[in-house]
C-alpha atoms as a PDB file:
ATOM      1  CA  MET A   1      -1.246 -29.600   6.825  1.00  0.00           C
ATOM      2  CA  PRO A   2      -4.310 -27.879   4.964  1.00  0.00           C
ATOM      3  CA  ALA A   3      -2.818 -25.334   2.070  1.00  0.00           C
ATOM      4  CA  CYS A   4      -4.197 -22.493   3.402  1.00  0.00           C
ATOM      5  CA  MET A   5      -2.035 -23.077   6.448  1.00  0.00           C
ATOM      6  CA  ARG A   6       1.120 -23.126   4.126  1.00  0.00           C
ATOM      7  CA  PHE A   7      -0.213 -19.989   2.126  1.00  0.00           C
ATOM      8  CA  ALA A   8      -0.213 -22.304  -1.276  1.00  0.00           C
ATOM      9  CA  SER A   9      -3.547 -21.619  -2.372  1.00  0.00           C
ATOM     10  CA  PRO A  10      -6.809 -19.755  -0.876  1.00  0.00           C
ATOM     11  CA  CYS A  11      -9.296 -22.055   1.145  1.00  0.00           C
ATOM     12  CA  LYS A  12     -11.667 -23.626  -1.703  1.00  0.00           C
ATOM     13  CA  VAL A  13     -14.867 -23.919   0.805  1.00  0.00           C
ATOM     14  CA  ARG A  14     -14.706 -20.573   2.871  1.00  0.00           C
ATOM     15  CA  PRO A  15     -11.991 -18.079   3.799  1.00  0.00           C
ATOM     16  CA  CYS A  16     -10.405 -19.418   6.893  1.00  0.00           C
ATOM     17  CA  SER A  17      -8.941 -17.279   9.589  1.00  0.00           C
ATOM     18  CA  VAL A  18      -5.602 -17.154   8.165  1.00  0.00           C
ATOM     19  CA  HIS A  19      -6.558 -15.748   5.285  1.00  0.00           C
ATOM     20  CA  LEU A  20      -8.554 -13.510   6.744  1.00  0.00           C
ATOM     21  CA  ALA A  21      -5.881 -11.950   9.291  1.00  0.00           C
ATOM     22  CA  LEU A  22      -3.819 -11.852   6.068  1.00  0.00           C
ATOM     23  CA  TRP A  23      -6.382 -10.030   4.214  1.00  0.00           C
ATOM     24  CA  ALA A  24      -7.028  -7.480   6.809  1.00  0.00           C
ATOM     25  CA  GLY A  25      -3.191  -6.807   7.624  1.00  0.00           C
ATOM     26  CA  VAL A  26      -3.072  -5.851   3.642  1.00  0.00           C
ATOM     27  CA  VAL A  27      -6.092  -4.182   3.744  1.00  0.00           C
ATOM     28  CA  VAL A  28      -4.788  -1.996   7.349  1.00  0.00           C
ATOM     29  CA  PHE A  29      -0.913  -1.335   5.148  1.00  0.00           C
ATOM     30  CA  THR A  30      -3.036  -0.123   1.741  1.00  0.00           C
ATOM     31  CA  GLN A  31      -4.902   2.418   4.172  1.00  0.00           C
ATOM     32  CA  THR A  32      -1.969   3.589   6.176  1.00  0.00           C
ATOM     33  CA  ALA A  33       0.053   3.903   3.075  1.00  0.00           C
ATOM     34  CA  SER A  34      -2.475   5.736   1.289  1.00  0.00           C
ATOM     35  CA  GLN A  35      -2.936   8.144   3.848  1.00  0.00           C
ATOM     36  CA  ALA A  36       0.907   9.098   4.277  1.00  0.00           C
ATOM     37  CA  TYR A  37       0.622   9.308   0.653  1.00  0.00           C
ATOM     38  CA  ALA A  38      -1.876  11.712   0.316  1.00  0.00           C
ATOM     39  CA  ALA A  39      -0.292  13.615   3.283  1.00  0.00           C
ATOM     40  CA  VAL A  40       3.283  13.893   1.704  1.00  0.00           C
ATOM     41  CA  GLU A  41       1.508  14.738  -1.757  1.00  0.00           C
ATOM     42  CA  ARG A  42      -0.108  17.830  -0.012  1.00  0.00           C
ATOM     43  CA  PHE A  43       3.464  18.864   1.589  1.00  0.00           C
ATOM     44  CA  THR A  44       4.548  19.146  -1.755  1.00  0.00           C
ATOM     45  CA  GLU A  45       2.035  21.426  -3.135  1.00  0.00           C
ATOM     46  CA  LEU A  46       2.379  23.325   0.153  1.00  0.00           C
ATOM     47  CA  ALA A  47       6.277  23.247   0.171  1.00  0.00           C
ATOM     48  CA  ARG A  48       6.287  24.684  -3.530  1.00  0.00           C
ATOM     49  CA  ARG A  49       3.729  27.266  -2.940  1.00  0.00           C
ATOM     50  CA  ARG A  50       5.784  28.661  -0.268  1.00  0.00           C
ATOM     51  CA  GLY A  51       8.874  28.380  -2.664  1.00  0.00           C
ATOM     52  CA  ASP A  52      10.987  25.863  -0.684  1.00  0.00           C
ATOM     53  CA  LEU A  53      11.918  23.754  -3.884  1.00  0.00           C
ATOM     54  CA  ALA A  54      13.897  21.355  -2.242  1.00  0.00           C
ATOM     55  CA  PHE A  55      11.573  20.182   0.134  1.00  0.00           C
ATOM     56  CA  ALA A  56       9.183  19.942  -2.593  1.00  0.00           C
ATOM     57  CA  GLU A  57      11.568  18.051  -4.558  1.00  0.00           C
ATOM     58  CA  ARG A  58      12.221  15.857  -1.132  1.00  0.00           C
ATOM     59  CA  CYS A  59       8.425  14.989  -0.986  1.00  0.00           C
ATOM     60  CA  GLN A  60       7.775  14.451  -4.195  1.00  0.00           C
ATOM     61  CA  SER A  61      10.818  11.522  -4.110  1.00  0.00           C
ATOM     62  CA  GLU A  62       8.759   9.957  -1.180  1.00  0.00           C
ATOM     63  CA  VAL A  63       5.620  10.412  -2.819  1.00  0.00           C
ATOM     64  CA  ALA A  64       6.841   8.162  -5.623  1.00  0.00           C
ATOM     65  CA  GLU A  65       8.858   6.155  -3.022  1.00  0.00           C
ATOM     66  CA  LEU A  66       5.386   5.415  -1.412  1.00  0.00           C
ATOM     67  CA  ARG A  67       3.519   4.644  -4.760  1.00  0.00           C
ATOM     68  CA  ARG A  68       5.590   1.960  -5.713  1.00  0.00           C
ATOM     69  CA  ASN A  69       5.794   0.568  -2.254  1.00  0.00           C
ATOM     70  CA  ILE A  70       2.127   0.560  -2.104  1.00  0.00           C
ATOM     71  CA  GLU A  71       2.355  -1.152  -5.972  1.00  0.00           C
ATOM     72  CA  ALA A  72       4.694  -3.789  -4.450  1.00  0.00           C
ATOM     73  CA  ASN A  73       3.075  -4.804  -1.726  1.00  0.00           C
ATOM     74  CA  GLY A  74      -0.490  -4.019  -0.874  1.00  0.00           C
ATOM     75  CA  TRP A  75      -2.018  -5.604  -3.881  1.00  0.00           C
ATOM     76  CA  ASP A  76      -2.739  -8.805  -5.288  1.00  0.00           C
ATOM     77  CA  GLY A  77      -1.640  -8.199  -9.219  1.00  0.00           C
ATOM     78  CA  GLN A  78      -3.648 -11.030 -10.223  1.00  0.00           C
ATOM     79  CA  TRP A  79      -7.152  -9.238  -9.267  1.00  0.00           C
ATOM     80  CA  TYR A  80      -6.083  -5.867  -8.837  1.00  0.00           C
ATOM     81  CA  ARG A  81      -4.404  -4.980 -12.570  1.00  0.00           C
ATOM     82  CA  GLY A  82      -6.946  -7.149 -13.861  1.00  0.00           C
END
């Protein structure tokens, strides 16, 4: 079985369909998570302006959790963090 099918290492000659599908999945996850992050961040600001500090705090907690999940699951640390 080729290495790319075992997810052991990238294809040496050209990207295979397995790697392209995995990459596309990561891109979709990262885009969706980033949009959710931005939306919840805006809700945090809105809640603060309206004086709903309990909801703002909950939103801030969710933003932190989204950020941790994006960092942990959305990027390959070998190239992302340089």
